[in-house]
Amino acid sequence: MASPTPNHLDSLPDWARELSEKYYSGVTSMFVLHGNVRDLVPWKRSTGIEFMSIGRFLREALFGTRDLVLAYDRGGGLTFANPDMKADFERALAGYDSFHGTNFSNGLPRNPDGVLSLLDNYMRLRIADRKKIALVVDFAETITPAADSSSMPAEDRNALVIFKRWAQNPTFLQADVTFVLVAENLTELNLGLVQNPGVASIQIPPPDEAGRLDYIRAAKPLPAGTEVTPEALANLTAGLKRVQLQALLSDACENQRPLTMKFLVKRKKELIEAESGGMLEFVQSRFDLSMVAGHAPAKQKLYDAARAIRAGKTEVVPMGYVICGPVGTGKTFLTTCFAGEIGIPAVTLKNFRSMWQGQTEGNLERILNLLKAMSPIAVIVDEADAQLGNRSASGDSGVSNRVFAQIAQFMGNTELRGRVIWFLLTCRPDLLPVDLKRQGRAEEHIALFYPHTDEERLAMLRAMQKKSGVAIASPEAEQEFLKSAAGLSGADVEAILVRARMKSALENSTALTSADLIAALGDFIPPSYPTEIELQTLVAVLECTSKSLLPDRYRDLDRGEAIRRANQLLDLTRG
C-alpha cells in the first residue's frame, strides 16, 4: 500500500489526515466518523478551497484513487462513485445469482444484513483481482444501534457481526480496503462495535474561527450596509456550522438584507437552539451585576472573574461555580446578571433526557460538542442537584451513571478553563455529587442569604423596582416597607411590588403610592417553611468555600454544631 503524498495530506482537514495516517499504519481498516458529520467539508485545491458534503469529500478527496467506492445507508440503499463501478457490481451480482440460484439482480435485499452479506462476497471477489476498495456506511446508528445484543433484532445482530468480522479480518487488513461508518453521535452506535480493537473512532469538530472565516471569504460578498467585517462575523458566529452559515449568508445576499448586530444575535440564537433540539436556551440578560442588591462579597468575586475573562486571563478563572442558598435569595438573577456583565453568550441547560434507549446519551453528546464549539460561554444549570444526576443512581439501565460520567468528564477538562464556565444553582448543595463540586470542576461555592440589615433590605427594594420597572412615588413608602421587611426574600419583595402595581396599573399610573405599597405589605403573607429554610441556610454555610462570603453571624459558627443541627433538620424534613 502506497502512502499518500505530503502535498495531498496538506489539502485535507485534520480529521481526514488522522484517518489517512491511521489507515496507512496498516493496523486499522474500519473507522467511525462522528460529530459534525452533516456539515460542509473544506478541500484545499490549487484553484482555492472547495466546500462539499462529507459523502462527496470521501468519494473524491479521500478515496478518489480507489478502483471501487461504494456507499450504503438504510434509506437510500447502495450507490456507487460512477457508472462503471455500478456496472461492475451488477456483473458480479449476476454471477452470484447464477451460482446460488437467487434473483438479487432484480432487487437487493431490504434488510441491511442481507446487503452487507452480498457486499462481503463482492469485496472478497474484487480483492482477489487486487482492486482498491472503499465502503462508506452512512447513518450507521440505524444499522447497529446502541443496545444490548440480547435485545437486538436478528438483522441488527447479524449486521453487527459482519462489521466486527470486517474490522479484524486479516484479508481486509492486508488488502487496500477501507470501511467508514458515519454517525452523528458516537453514543448511538453499538458499544461493542465502537470498542472493538479493530475500529478507530475519529471526531469531526465544528469549524473553528479560522474555518468559519475561510468559508465566509469564499462565499458571495456581504450585502451593502452590513455592519460587520468577515473577521468579526467569523468571531460572532462561534458554534455555527458551515451549512448554517450558508443559510445565513444566502438569505442576506439573495434578499439584500444587511447583516446588523441585532439580526445576527437573533439568528444565531435561533440556529443554536434549533441545533441543540431545544435543549439549550440562550440567556439574554438586560442587567449586569450593578442591578444585584446586597451580596457584595459574592458580586466582587464575580466582578473579578468578569475582569479576568475580558482581559483574556482565562487561566485564573474558576472552572465553575456552585451558587447556593435558600429559595428566593436571587441565585438565578445573580447568574443572569453575571452573563450580562461579561459580554459572552450564556445558555441554560434544559431537560435533555429521553424515554428512548440511547437517546439521552446522544442528546448530551450533541450538547457538550456544541458548548465546546461556542466557547467562551457560560452554562447555567438550575436545580442542578436534580438535573445532573449522580454516580449511584439506579433503576434506569445505567443511563444516569453514563450521563453523570459524561458531564463530570467534560466539566473536568482543564483545556476549557475560562472557555466553558459552569454555574450549578441549587438550594440543596448537599445533594450535589462531590464529583461535580470538587476542585477542578465547580471550584467556587458561593452562598447567598436573605438580607439582614435595613440597608440591605432597602437596596433589595430599589433593585427590585429597577427590575420590575416600578417607581415608588413617596419616599415615606420605604420606611413603611422596612417595618414589615424582616425575613422577606427577594422573591417575596418582587411579589409584593407586582401586587401593589396592579392597582396603579388599572388606574394608568406608572408610579406606586405609599398607600398602594402599604396595602400590599399588609395583605401579603409570605409562605412559611421555617424548617426547610433553616436547613437550606445551614447547608449553604457549610458548602461555602470562602469566609468572606459569609455574614458575620455565620463566619465563626462551629461547623460541628452546624452539621449536627443540619442533620436534625434533615431528619425532620424526611419525617
Protein backbone atom coordinates (compact mmCIF):
# COMPACT_ATOMS: atom_id res chain seq x y z
CA MET A 1 0.00 0.00 0.00
CA ALA A 2 1.47 3.31 -1.07
CA SER A 3 1.33 6.12 1.45
CA PRO A 4 -0.33 9.39 0.42
CA THR A 5 1.91 12.25 -0.67
CA PRO A 6 2.56 15.06 1.83
CA ASN A 7 1.01 17.60 -0.55
CA HIS A 8 -2.22 15.61 -0.68
CA LEU A 9 -2.36 15.32 3.12
CA ASP A 10 -1.86 19.09 3.45
CA SER A 11 -5.01 19.66 1.40
CA LEU A 12 -7.16 17.69 3.86
CA PRO A 13 -8.78 18.73 7.17
CA ASP A 14 -7.10 17.48 10.35
CA TRP A 15 -9.59 14.65 10.89
CA ALA A 16 -9.07 13.33 7.34
CA ARG A 17 -5.29 13.42 7.80
CA GLU A 18 -5.70 11.47 11.03
CA LEU A 19 -7.80 8.86 9.21
CA SER A 20 -5.21 8.54 6.43
CA GLU A 21 -2.30 8.20 8.83
CA LYS A 22 -4.07 5.54 10.91
CA TYR A 23 -5.08 3.62 7.80
CA TYR A 24 -1.61 3.59 6.28
CA SER A 25 -0.17 2.36 9.58
CA GLY A 26 -1.64 -0.99 8.49
CA VAL A 27 -3.41 -1.87 11.76
CA THR A 28 -6.89 -0.39 11.16
CA SER A 29 -9.20 -0.57 8.19
CA MET A 30 -12.53 0.41 9.83
CA PHE A 31 -13.24 3.94 11.01
CA VAL A 32 -16.20 5.59 12.72
CA LEU A 33 -16.65 9.27 11.86
CA HIS A 34 -18.83 11.13 14.34
CA GLY A 35 -19.60 14.68 15.45
CA ASN A 36 -20.05 17.38 12.81
CA VAL A 37 -20.75 14.89 10.01
CA ARG A 38 -23.72 16.78 8.46
CA ASP A 39 -21.70 19.85 7.61
CA LEU A 40 -19.77 21.02 4.56
CA VAL A 41 -16.16 19.80 4.42
CA PRO A 42 -13.33 22.02 3.08
CA TRP A 43 -10.95 20.63 0.45
CA LYS A 44 -7.99 22.84 -0.40
CA ARG A 45 -7.29 22.61 -4.11
CA SER A 46 -4.96 24.50 -6.41
CA THR A 47 -7.86 26.69 -7.50
CA GLY A 48 -8.92 27.51 -3.93
CA ILE A 49 -10.95 25.94 -1.13
CA GLU A 50 -13.97 23.93 -2.22
CA PHE A 51 -16.74 23.03 0.23
CA MET A 52 -18.74 19.82 -0.20
CA SER A 53 -20.80 17.20 1.64
CA ILE A 54 -18.96 14.54 3.58
CA GLY A 55 -20.13 11.87 1.12
CA ARG A 56 -18.63 13.69 -1.85
CA PHE A 57 -15.47 14.51 0.13
CA LEU A 58 -14.88 10.86 0.99
CA ARG A 59 -15.64 9.80 -2.57
CA GLU A 60 -13.44 12.38 -4.35
CA ALA A 61 -10.84 13.73 -1.95
CA LEU A 62 -10.07 10.78 0.31
CA PHE A 63 -10.84 7.79 -1.93
CA GLY A 64 -10.51 9.40 -5.37
CA THR A 65 -7.83 6.93 -6.49
CA ARG A 66 -9.71 3.79 -5.39
CA ASP A 67 -10.91 1.34 -8.03
CA LEU A 68 -14.24 0.86 -6.26
CA VAL A 69 -16.02 3.33 -3.97
CA LEU A 70 -19.40 2.21 -2.64
CA ALA A 71 -21.81 3.92 -0.24
CA TYR A 72 -24.72 2.41 1.66
CA ASP A 73 -27.39 3.67 4.01
CA ARG A 74 -30.58 2.07 5.16
CA GLY A 75 -32.88 4.53 3.40
CA GLY A 76 -31.03 5.27 0.18
CA GLY A 77 -29.64 1.80 -0.46
CA LEU A 78 -26.41 1.09 -2.32
CA THR A 79 -24.77 3.75 -4.53
CA PHE A 80 -21.51 3.96 -6.47
CA ALA A 81 -18.99 6.69 -7.25
CA ASN A 82 -19.50 6.31 -11.02
CA PRO A 83 -21.50 4.21 -13.53
CA ASP A 84 -18.55 1.91 -14.29
CA MET A 85 -18.39 0.80 -10.66
CA LYS A 86 -22.12 0.16 -10.66
CA ALA A 87 -21.84 -1.92 -13.86
CA ASP A 88 -19.03 -3.97 -12.33
CA PHE A 89 -21.15 -4.73 -9.26
CA GLU A 90 -24.14 -5.71 -11.41
CA ARG A 91 -21.97 -8.15 -13.40
CA ALA A 92 -20.72 -9.71 -10.20
CA LEU A 93 -24.27 -9.89 -8.84
CA ALA A 94 -25.48 -11.67 -11.99
CA GLY A 95 -22.74 -14.25 -11.49
CA TYR A 96 -23.76 -14.64 -7.84
CA ASP A 97 -27.41 -15.20 -8.88
CA SER A 98 -26.35 -17.78 -11.46
CA PHE A 99 -24.26 -19.72 -8.95
CA HIS A 100 -26.63 -19.53 -5.95
CA GLY A 101 -29.96 -19.57 -7.79
CA THR A 102 -31.00 -16.19 -6.36
CA ASN A 103 -32.62 -13.20 -8.05
CA PHE A 104 -30.78 -10.22 -6.45
CA SER A 105 -30.09 -8.64 -9.86
CA ASN A 106 -33.73 -7.54 -9.88
CA GLY A 107 -33.59 -6.05 -6.41
CA LEU A 108 -31.25 -6.12 -3.43
CA PRO A 109 -32.48 -7.41 -0.04
CA ARG A 110 -34.40 -4.85 2.00
CA ASN A 111 -32.69 -5.87 5.25
CA PRO A 112 -29.21 -4.31 5.82
CA ASP A 113 -27.56 -7.58 6.91
CA GLY A 114 -28.59 -9.11 3.57
CA VAL A 115 -26.96 -6.25 1.65
CA LEU A 116 -23.83 -6.41 3.82
CA SER A 117 -23.53 -10.16 3.17
CA LEU A 118 -23.65 -9.54 -0.60
CA LEU A 119 -21.05 -6.80 -0.24
CA ASP A 120 -18.86 -9.20 1.74
CA ASN A 121 -18.89 -11.66 -1.17
CA TYR A 122 -18.34 -8.90 -3.75
CA MET A 123 -15.39 -7.33 -1.94
CA ARG A 124 -13.65 -10.70 -1.44
CA LEU A 125 -14.07 -11.34 -5.16
CA ARG A 126 -12.53 -8.00 -6.10
CA ILE A 127 -9.74 -8.27 -3.53
CA ALA A 128 -8.62 -11.35 -5.45
CA ASP A 129 -8.37 -9.07 -8.50
CA ARG A 130 -6.20 -6.66 -6.44
CA LYS A 131 -8.80 -3.91 -6.54
CA LYS A 132 -8.61 -0.96 -4.11
CA ILE A 133 -11.96 -0.64 -2.33
CA ALA A 134 -13.70 1.84 -0.02
CA LEU A 135 -17.12 1.33 1.55
CA VAL A 136 -18.93 4.18 3.30
CA VAL A 137 -21.90 3.29 5.54
CA ASP A 138 -23.90 6.40 6.44
CA PHE A 139 -26.38 6.64 9.33
CA ALA A 140 -24.59 3.64 10.82
CA GLU A 141 -26.52 4.05 14.08
CA THR A 142 -29.65 2.80 12.27
CA ILE A 143 -27.88 -0.44 11.32
CA THR A 144 -26.01 -1.22 14.57
CA PRO A 145 -27.81 0.88 17.20
CA ALA A 146 -26.74 1.17 20.84
CA ALA A 147 -28.46 -1.72 22.59
CA ASP A 148 -27.75 -4.90 24.47
CA SER A 149 -27.16 -7.68 21.94
CA SER A 150 -29.74 -9.91 23.63
CA SER A 151 -32.49 -7.35 22.94
CA MET A 152 -31.46 -6.53 19.34
CA PRO A 153 -33.46 -7.82 16.36
CA ALA A 154 -31.81 -10.65 14.45
CA GLU A 155 -30.92 -8.43 11.45
CA ASP A 156 -29.15 -5.89 13.69
CA ARG A 157 -27.18 -8.66 15.41
CA ASN A 158 -26.19 -10.07 12.02
CA ALA A 159 -25.06 -6.64 10.80
CA LEU A 160 -23.05 -6.14 13.99
CA VAL A 161 -21.30 -9.48 13.50
CA ILE A 162 -20.46 -8.60 9.87
CA PHE A 163 -18.95 -5.25 10.88
CA LYS A 164 -16.89 -6.86 13.66
CA ARG A 165 -15.68 -9.53 11.25
CA TRP A 166 -14.64 -6.91 8.70
CA ALA A 167 -12.84 -4.85 11.35
CA GLN A 168 -10.43 -7.64 12.26
CA ASN A 169 -10.32 -9.70 9.08
CA PRO A 170 -6.64 -10.21 8.06
CA THR A 171 -7.65 -10.37 4.38
CA PHE A 172 -9.13 -6.89 4.52
CA LEU A 173 -6.25 -5.51 6.62
CA GLN A 174 -3.66 -6.75 4.11
CA ALA A 175 -5.63 -5.62 1.06
CA ASP A 176 -6.33 -1.98 0.17
CA VAL A 177 -9.81 -1.86 1.74
CA THR A 178 -11.27 0.89 3.93
CA PHE A 179 -14.58 0.86 5.79
CA VAL A 180 -16.01 4.19 7.01
CA LEU A 181 -19.07 4.27 9.27
CA VAL A 182 -20.70 7.70 9.67
CA ALA A 183 -22.86 8.55 12.72
CA GLU A 184 -23.66 11.91 14.27
CA ASN A 185 -23.41 10.70 17.88
CA LEU A 186 -20.94 8.03 18.93
CA THR A 187 -23.14 7.03 21.86
CA GLU A 188 -25.92 5.99 19.46
CA LEU A 189 -23.69 3.29 17.93
CA ASN A 190 -23.38 -0.18 19.40
CA LEU A 191 -20.78 -0.10 22.16
CA GLY A 192 -19.38 -3.49 21.18
CA LEU A 193 -18.50 -2.14 17.75
CA VAL A 194 -17.12 1.20 18.97
CA GLN A 195 -14.84 -0.52 21.48
CA ASN A 196 -13.66 -3.18 19.04
CA PRO A 197 -9.83 -3.04 18.83
CA GLY A 198 -10.03 -3.06 15.03
CA VAL A 199 -12.19 0.10 14.93
CA ALA A 200 -10.85 3.68 15.20
CA SER A 201 -13.24 6.49 16.16
CA ILE A 202 -12.50 9.94 14.76
CA GLN A 203 -14.44 13.04 15.75
CA ILE A 204 -15.16 15.74 13.17
CA PRO A 205 -15.24 19.05 15.10
CA PRO A 206 -17.37 22.06 14.20
CA PRO A 207 -15.44 24.74 12.31
CA ASP A 208 -13.25 26.98 14.43
CA GLU A 209 -12.97 30.74 13.85
CA ALA A 210 -10.37 30.29 11.09
CA GLY A 211 -12.56 27.67 9.40
CA ARG A 212 -15.61 29.94 9.52
CA LEU A 213 -13.58 32.82 8.12
CA ASP A 214 -12.38 30.67 5.20
CA TYR A 215 -15.99 29.84 4.37
CA ILE A 216 -17.20 33.46 4.70
CA ARG A 217 -14.43 34.69 2.39
CA ALA A 218 -15.27 32.01 -0.18
CA ALA A 219 -18.97 32.95 -0.17
CA LYS A 220 -20.63 35.82 -2.02
CA PRO A 221 -19.70 39.39 -0.93
CA LEU A 222 -21.70 40.61 2.06
CA PRO A 223 -24.62 42.90 1.14
CA ALA A 224 -24.24 46.67 1.25
CA GLY A 225 -24.91 48.19 4.66
CA THR A 226 -23.56 45.19 6.59
CA GLU A 227 -22.26 46.31 9.99
CA VAL A 228 -19.61 43.60 10.41
CA THR A 229 -16.42 42.62 8.62
CA PRO A 230 -15.82 38.98 7.59
CA GLU A 231 -13.41 38.66 10.53
CA ALA A 232 -15.99 39.98 13.02
CA LEU A 233 -18.66 37.75 11.51
CA ALA A 234 -16.44 34.69 11.94
CA ASN A 235 -15.95 35.62 15.60
CA LEU A 236 -19.65 36.31 16.25
CA THR A 237 -20.83 33.01 14.74
CA ALA A 238 -18.99 30.69 17.16
CA GLY A 239 -20.88 27.40 17.39
CA LEU A 240 -22.45 27.59 13.93
CA LYS A 241 -21.77 25.01 11.23
CA ARG A 242 -20.85 25.92 7.66
CA VAL A 243 -24.30 24.83 6.46
CA GLN A 244 -25.85 27.26 8.93
CA LEU A 245 -23.51 30.00 7.75
CA GLN A 246 -24.52 29.10 4.19
CA ALA A 247 -28.20 29.62 5.04
CA LEU A 248 -27.45 32.87 6.87
CA LEU A 249 -25.31 34.34 4.08
CA SER A 250 -27.58 33.13 1.27
CA ASP A 251 -30.60 34.73 2.91
CA ALA A 252 -28.71 38.00 3.35
CA CYS A 253 -27.32 38.06 -0.21
CA GLU A 254 -30.46 36.94 -2.06
CA ASN A 255 -32.70 39.39 -0.20
CA GLN A 256 -30.07 42.13 0.02
CA ARG A 257 -30.54 42.18 3.80
CA PRO A 258 -27.61 43.88 5.59
CA LEU A 259 -26.15 41.86 8.44
CA THR A 260 -26.74 44.01 11.51
CA MET A 261 -25.68 43.10 15.04
CA LYS A 262 -29.31 42.81 16.14
CA PHE A 263 -30.15 40.48 13.25
CA LEU A 264 -27.05 38.33 13.82
CA VAL A 265 -27.75 37.88 17.54
CA LYS A 266 -31.36 36.91 16.83
CA ARG A 267 -30.47 34.44 14.03
CA LYS A 268 -27.62 32.87 15.98
CA LYS A 269 -29.94 32.33 18.94
CA GLU A 270 -32.50 30.63 16.69
CA LEU A 271 -29.91 28.45 14.93
CA ILE A 272 -28.16 27.30 18.11
CA GLU A 273 -31.42 26.49 19.90
CA ALA A 274 -32.60 24.55 16.83
CA GLU A 275 -29.26 22.72 16.58
CA SER A 276 -29.50 21.68 20.24
CA GLY A 277 -33.03 20.40 19.73
CA GLY A 278 -34.38 22.90 22.26
CA MET A 279 -32.06 21.55 24.97
CA LEU A 280 -30.14 24.83 25.24
CA GLU A 281 -31.83 28.19 25.73
CA PHE A 282 -29.97 31.47 25.26
CA VAL A 283 -30.00 33.82 28.24
CA GLN A 284 -30.38 37.40 27.08
CA SER A 285 -29.90 39.48 30.19
CA ARG A 286 -30.86 43.16 30.25
CA PHE A 287 -28.99 43.53 33.53
CA ASP A 288 -25.46 43.46 34.88
CA LEU A 289 -24.10 42.93 38.40
CA SER A 290 -24.83 46.54 39.37
CA MET A 291 -28.51 45.54 39.45
CA VAL A 292 -27.95 42.96 42.22
CA ALA A 293 -28.90 44.24 45.67
CA GLY A 294 -26.70 43.14 48.56
CA HIS A 295 -24.46 40.08 48.24
CA ALA A 296 -21.47 42.45 47.97
CA PRO A 297 -18.74 39.81 48.54
CA ALA A 298 -20.35 37.44 46.03
CA LYS A 299 -20.64 40.24 43.45
CA GLN A 300 -16.99 41.15 43.98
CA LYS A 301 -15.89 37.59 43.19
CA LEU A 302 -17.92 37.60 40.00
CA TYR A 303 -16.67 41.10 39.09
CA ASP A 304 -13.09 39.80 39.40
CA ALA A 305 -13.89 36.79 37.20
CA ALA A 306 -15.53 39.05 34.59
CA ARG A 307 -12.46 41.32 34.52
CA ALA A 308 -10.17 38.32 34.05
CA ILE A 309 -12.30 36.98 31.18
CA ARG A 310 -12.38 40.35 29.43
CA ALA A 311 -8.60 40.65 29.85
CA GLY A 312 -8.10 37.20 28.33
CA LYS A 313 -6.58 35.78 31.56
CA THR A 314 -8.72 32.66 31.49
CA GLU A 315 -6.14 30.59 33.37
CA VAL A 316 -7.18 32.27 36.66
CA VAL A 317 -10.95 31.84 36.13
CA PRO A 318 -12.66 29.03 38.08
CA MET A 319 -13.85 26.05 36.04
CA GLY A 320 -17.30 26.56 37.52
CA TYR A 321 -19.40 27.83 40.40
CA VAL A 322 -21.91 26.35 42.80
CA ILE A 323 -24.43 29.10 43.61
CA CYS A 324 -26.38 28.01 46.68
CA GLY A 325 -28.64 29.47 49.34
CA PRO A 326 -32.26 29.35 50.49
CA VAL A 327 -35.09 29.76 47.99
CA GLY A 328 -35.71 33.34 46.89
CA THR A 329 -32.18 34.68 47.51
CA GLY A 330 -31.67 35.54 43.83
CA LYS A 331 -29.41 32.74 42.62
CA THR A 332 -30.81 32.77 39.08
CA PHE A 333 -30.89 36.59 38.91
CA LEU A 334 -27.28 36.89 40.10
CA THR A 335 -26.12 34.42 37.47
CA THR A 336 -28.00 36.05 34.58
CA CYS A 337 -26.61 39.43 35.68
CA PHE A 338 -23.11 37.94 35.50
CA ALA A 339 -23.90 36.80 31.95
CA GLY A 340 -24.81 40.39 31.11
CA GLU A 341 -21.64 41.63 32.81
CA ILE A 342 -19.09 39.52 30.93
CA GLY A 343 -20.49 40.02 27.43
CA ILE A 344 -20.13 36.38 26.38
CA PRO A 345 -23.06 34.10 25.46
CA ALA A 346 -24.85 32.34 28.28
CA VAL A 347 -27.19 29.38 27.93
CA THR A 348 -29.46 27.46 30.25
CA LEU A 349 -29.25 23.69 30.09
CA LYS A 350 -32.76 22.32 29.62
CA ASN A 351 -34.02 18.77 30.09
CA PHE A 352 -32.04 16.52 27.74
CA ARG A 353 -33.36 13.18 28.99
CA SER A 354 -35.41 10.93 26.73
CA MET A 355 -37.55 7.85 27.23
CA TRP A 356 -35.83 6.12 24.29
CA GLN A 357 -32.79 3.93 24.85
CA GLY A 358 -29.52 5.63 23.90
CA GLN A 359 -31.22 8.95 23.09
CA THR A 360 -30.33 10.64 26.38
CA GLU A 361 -26.61 9.98 25.96
CA GLY A 362 -26.82 11.09 22.31
CA ASN A 363 -28.58 14.33 23.31
CA LEU A 364 -25.93 15.09 25.90
CA GLU A 365 -23.08 14.35 23.48
CA ARG A 366 -24.57 16.81 21.00
CA ILE A 367 -24.97 19.48 23.71
CA LEU A 368 -21.41 19.13 25.00
CA ASN A 369 -19.93 19.28 21.50
CA LEU A 370 -21.99 22.41 20.83
CA LEU A 371 -20.86 24.06 24.08
CA LYS A 372 -17.23 23.39 23.20
CA ALA A 373 -17.72 24.91 19.76
CA MET A 374 -19.46 28.01 21.17
CA SER A 375 -16.82 28.81 23.78
CA PRO A 376 -16.32 31.15 25.54
CA ILE A 377 -19.71 30.53 27.07
CA ALA A 378 -21.43 30.35 30.47
CA VAL A 379 -23.67 27.34 31.16
CA ILE A 380 -26.40 27.75 33.77
CA VAL A 381 -27.92 24.62 35.29
CA ASP A 382 -30.87 25.45 37.53
CA GLU A 383 -31.90 22.89 40.16
CA ALA A 384 -28.58 21.20 39.44
CA ASP A 385 -28.98 18.57 42.16
CA ALA A 386 -31.98 17.14 40.27
CA GLN A 387 -30.82 17.89 36.72
CA LEU A 388 -27.37 16.31 36.61
CA GLY A 389 -27.92 13.02 38.43
CA ASN A 390 -25.21 11.20 40.35
CA ARG A 391 -22.89 8.21 40.23
CA SER A 392 -25.06 5.96 42.43
CA ALA A 393 -28.37 6.30 40.53
CA SER A 394 -30.09 3.02 39.68
CA GLY A 395 -33.23 1.71 38.02
CA ASP A 396 -32.72 3.19 34.55
CA SER A 397 -30.36 0.62 32.97
CA GLY A 398 -27.31 2.72 33.84
CA VAL A 399 -28.39 5.82 31.86
CA SER A 400 -27.93 8.21 34.82
CA ASN A 401 -24.49 6.77 35.56
CA ARG A 402 -23.36 7.26 31.95
CA VAL A 403 -24.84 10.78 31.83
CA PHE A 404 -23.09 11.68 35.06
CA ALA A 405 -19.77 10.34 33.75
CA GLN A 406 -20.10 12.36 30.51
CA ILE A 407 -20.82 15.60 32.38
CA ALA A 408 -18.12 15.06 35.01
CA GLN A 409 -15.50 14.33 32.36
CA PHE A 410 -16.44 17.42 30.35
CA MET A 411 -16.51 19.70 33.41
CA GLY A 412 -13.08 18.47 34.47
CA ASN A 413 -11.39 19.22 31.12
CA THR A 414 -8.88 21.92 32.12
CA GLU A 415 -8.37 22.87 28.46
CA LEU A 416 -11.80 24.51 28.73
CA ARG A 417 -10.92 26.66 31.76
CA GLY A 418 -12.31 30.13 31.15
CA ARG A 419 -13.96 28.93 27.92
CA VAL A 420 -16.88 26.93 29.34
CA ILE A 421 -17.91 28.24 32.78
CA TRP A 422 -20.48 26.21 34.70
CA PHE A 423 -22.98 27.66 37.14
CA LEU A 424 -24.71 24.98 39.22
CA LEU A 425 -27.68 26.56 41.01
CA THR A 426 -29.29 24.76 43.93
CA CYS A 427 -30.83 25.38 47.32
CA ARG A 428 -29.59 21.94 48.44
CA PRO A 429 -25.86 21.78 47.60
CA ASP A 430 -25.51 18.82 49.94
CA LEU A 431 -27.38 16.77 47.30
CA LEU A 432 -24.89 17.64 44.56
CA PRO A 433 -22.39 14.82 43.97
CA VAL A 434 -18.93 15.55 45.35
CA ASP A 435 -17.50 14.62 41.93
CA LEU A 436 -19.12 17.71 40.35
CA LYS A 437 -18.41 20.27 43.07
CA ARG A 438 -14.82 19.30 43.86
CA GLN A 439 -11.85 21.47 42.98
CA GLY A 440 -11.12 21.20 39.26
CA ARG A 441 -14.82 21.25 38.36
CA ALA A 442 -17.24 23.62 40.12
CA GLU A 443 -14.47 25.16 42.22
CA GLU A 444 -16.02 28.26 43.78
CA HIS A 445 -19.03 27.73 46.05
CA ILE A 446 -20.88 31.00 46.55
CA ALA A 447 -23.54 31.14 49.27
CA LEU A 448 -26.36 33.71 49.18
CA PHE A 449 -28.51 34.66 52.18
CA TYR A 450 -31.57 36.78 52.94
CA PRO A 451 -30.84 40.46 53.70
CA HIS A 452 -30.46 41.01 57.43
CA THR A 453 -29.91 44.78 57.78
CA ASP A 454 -32.14 47.73 56.87
CA GLU A 455 -29.51 48.92 54.40
CA GLU A 456 -29.56 45.57 52.57
CA ARG A 457 -33.38 45.45 52.58
CA LEU A 458 -33.65 48.95 51.10
CA ALA A 459 -31.06 48.07 48.45
CA MET A 460 -33.11 45.00 47.59
CA LEU A 461 -36.32 47.05 47.30
CA ARG A 462 -34.66 49.56 44.99
CA ALA A 463 -33.13 46.82 42.84
CA MET A 464 -36.50 45.10 42.51
CA GLN A 465 -38.06 48.41 41.45
CA LYS A 466 -35.50 48.66 38.63
CA LYS A 467 -36.02 45.06 37.61
CA SER A 468 -39.81 45.29 37.51
CA GLY A 469 -39.93 48.85 36.15
CA VAL A 470 -41.87 50.08 39.20
CA ALA A 471 -41.25 53.52 40.72
CA ILE A 472 -42.45 54.42 44.23
CA ALA A 473 -43.78 57.97 44.33
CA SER A 474 -43.36 58.53 48.04
CA PRO A 475 -40.03 58.23 49.96
CA GLU A 476 -42.07 57.51 53.09
CA ALA A 477 -43.09 54.23 51.49
CA GLU A 478 -39.56 52.90 52.01
CA GLN A 479 -39.84 53.45 55.76
CA GLU A 480 -43.19 51.68 55.78
CA PHE A 481 -41.57 48.83 53.87
CA LEU A 482 -38.79 48.45 56.47
CA LYS A 483 -41.37 47.94 59.24
CA SER A 484 -42.56 44.71 57.59
CA ALA A 485 -39.48 43.62 55.61
CA ALA A 486 -37.74 41.38 58.16
CA GLY A 487 -37.44 37.84 56.81
CA LEU A 488 -38.59 38.68 53.32
CA SER A 489 -36.66 37.25 50.38
CA GLY A 490 -36.03 38.96 47.06
CA ALA A 491 -38.77 36.84 45.51
CA ASP A 492 -41.18 37.99 48.25
CA VAL A 493 -40.39 41.66 47.60
CA GLU A 494 -40.91 41.24 43.88
CA ALA A 495 -44.27 39.57 44.52
CA ILE A 496 -45.32 42.45 46.80
CA LEU A 497 -44.37 45.05 44.16
CA VAL A 498 -46.31 43.17 41.49
CA ARG A 499 -49.40 43.10 43.72
CA ALA A 500 -49.03 46.76 44.60
CA ARG A 501 -48.60 47.67 40.96
CA MET A 502 -51.95 46.15 39.95
CA LYS A 503 -53.99 48.99 41.43
CA SER A 504 -51.83 51.73 39.89
CA ALA A 505 -51.78 49.90 36.54
CA LEU A 506 -55.57 49.75 36.48
CA GLU A 507 -55.58 53.49 37.13
CA ASN A 508 -52.99 54.02 34.33
CA SER A 509 -50.37 55.31 36.76
CA THR A 510 -46.66 54.45 36.36
CA ALA A 511 -45.74 55.16 39.99
CA LEU A 512 -46.73 53.44 43.21
CA THR A 513 -48.17 55.47 46.03
CA SER A 514 -47.30 54.85 49.64
CA ALA A 515 -50.86 53.63 50.17
CA ASP A 516 -50.52 51.03 47.39
CA LEU A 517 -47.35 49.59 48.92
CA ILE A 518 -48.67 49.64 52.48
CA ALA A 519 -51.84 47.86 51.37
CA ALA A 520 -49.84 45.17 49.54
CA LEU A 521 -47.50 44.72 52.53
CA GLY A 522 -50.41 44.41 54.91
CA ASP A 523 -52.13 41.83 52.73
CA PHE A 524 -49.04 39.73 51.93
CA ILE A 525 -48.46 36.51 53.88
CA PRO A 526 -45.08 35.02 52.94
CA PRO A 527 -45.00 31.24 52.52
CA SER A 528 -43.64 29.78 55.73
CA TYR A 529 -41.24 26.83 55.58
CA PRO A 530 -39.06 27.50 58.64
CA THR A 531 -37.53 24.03 58.85
CA GLU A 532 -36.62 23.88 55.15
CA ILE A 533 -35.30 27.46 55.13
CA GLU A 534 -33.08 26.84 58.16
CA LEU A 535 -31.79 23.63 56.58
CA GLN A 536 -31.06 25.36 53.25
CA THR A 537 -29.29 28.18 55.09
CA LEU A 538 -27.09 25.83 57.10
CA VAL A 539 -26.07 23.64 54.16
CA ALA A 540 -25.19 26.86 52.24
CA VAL A 541 -22.98 27.95 55.14
CA LEU A 542 -21.28 24.55 55.21
CA GLU A 543 -20.86 24.50 51.42
CA CYS A 544 -19.36 27.99 51.05
CA THR A 545 -15.67 27.92 50.08
CA SER A 546 -14.82 31.48 51.17
CA LYS A 547 -15.17 33.02 54.61
CA SER A 548 -15.54 36.47 53.14
CA LEU A 549 -18.87 35.43 51.58
CA LEU A 550 -20.44 34.55 54.94
CA PRO A 551 -22.37 37.11 57.02
CA ASP A 552 -20.81 37.89 60.39
CA ARG A 553 -23.26 35.72 62.29
CA TYR A 554 -22.18 32.62 60.35
CA ARG A 555 -18.46 33.36 59.93
CA ASP A 556 -17.37 31.89 63.26
CA LEU A 557 -20.12 29.31 63.53
CA ASP A 558 -18.96 26.00 64.99
CA ARG A 559 -19.03 23.65 61.97
CA GLY A 560 -19.55 20.56 64.09
CA GLU A 561 -22.61 22.11 65.70
CA ALA A 562 -23.87 23.29 62.29
CA ILE A 563 -23.54 19.76 60.86
CA ARG A 564 -25.37 18.28 63.86
CA ARG A 565 -28.21 20.80 63.52
CA ALA A 566 -28.42 20.26 59.75
CA ASN A 567 -28.75 16.50 60.29
CA GLN A 568 -31.55 17.10 62.79
CA LEU A 569 -33.40 19.31 60.31
CA LEU A 570 -32.85 16.76 57.58
CA ASP A 571 -34.50 14.10 59.72
CA LEU A 572 -37.43 16.45 60.38
CA THR A 573 -37.97 17.16 56.67
CA ARG A 574 -37.89 13.45 55.88
CA GLY A 575 -40.41 12.74 58.60
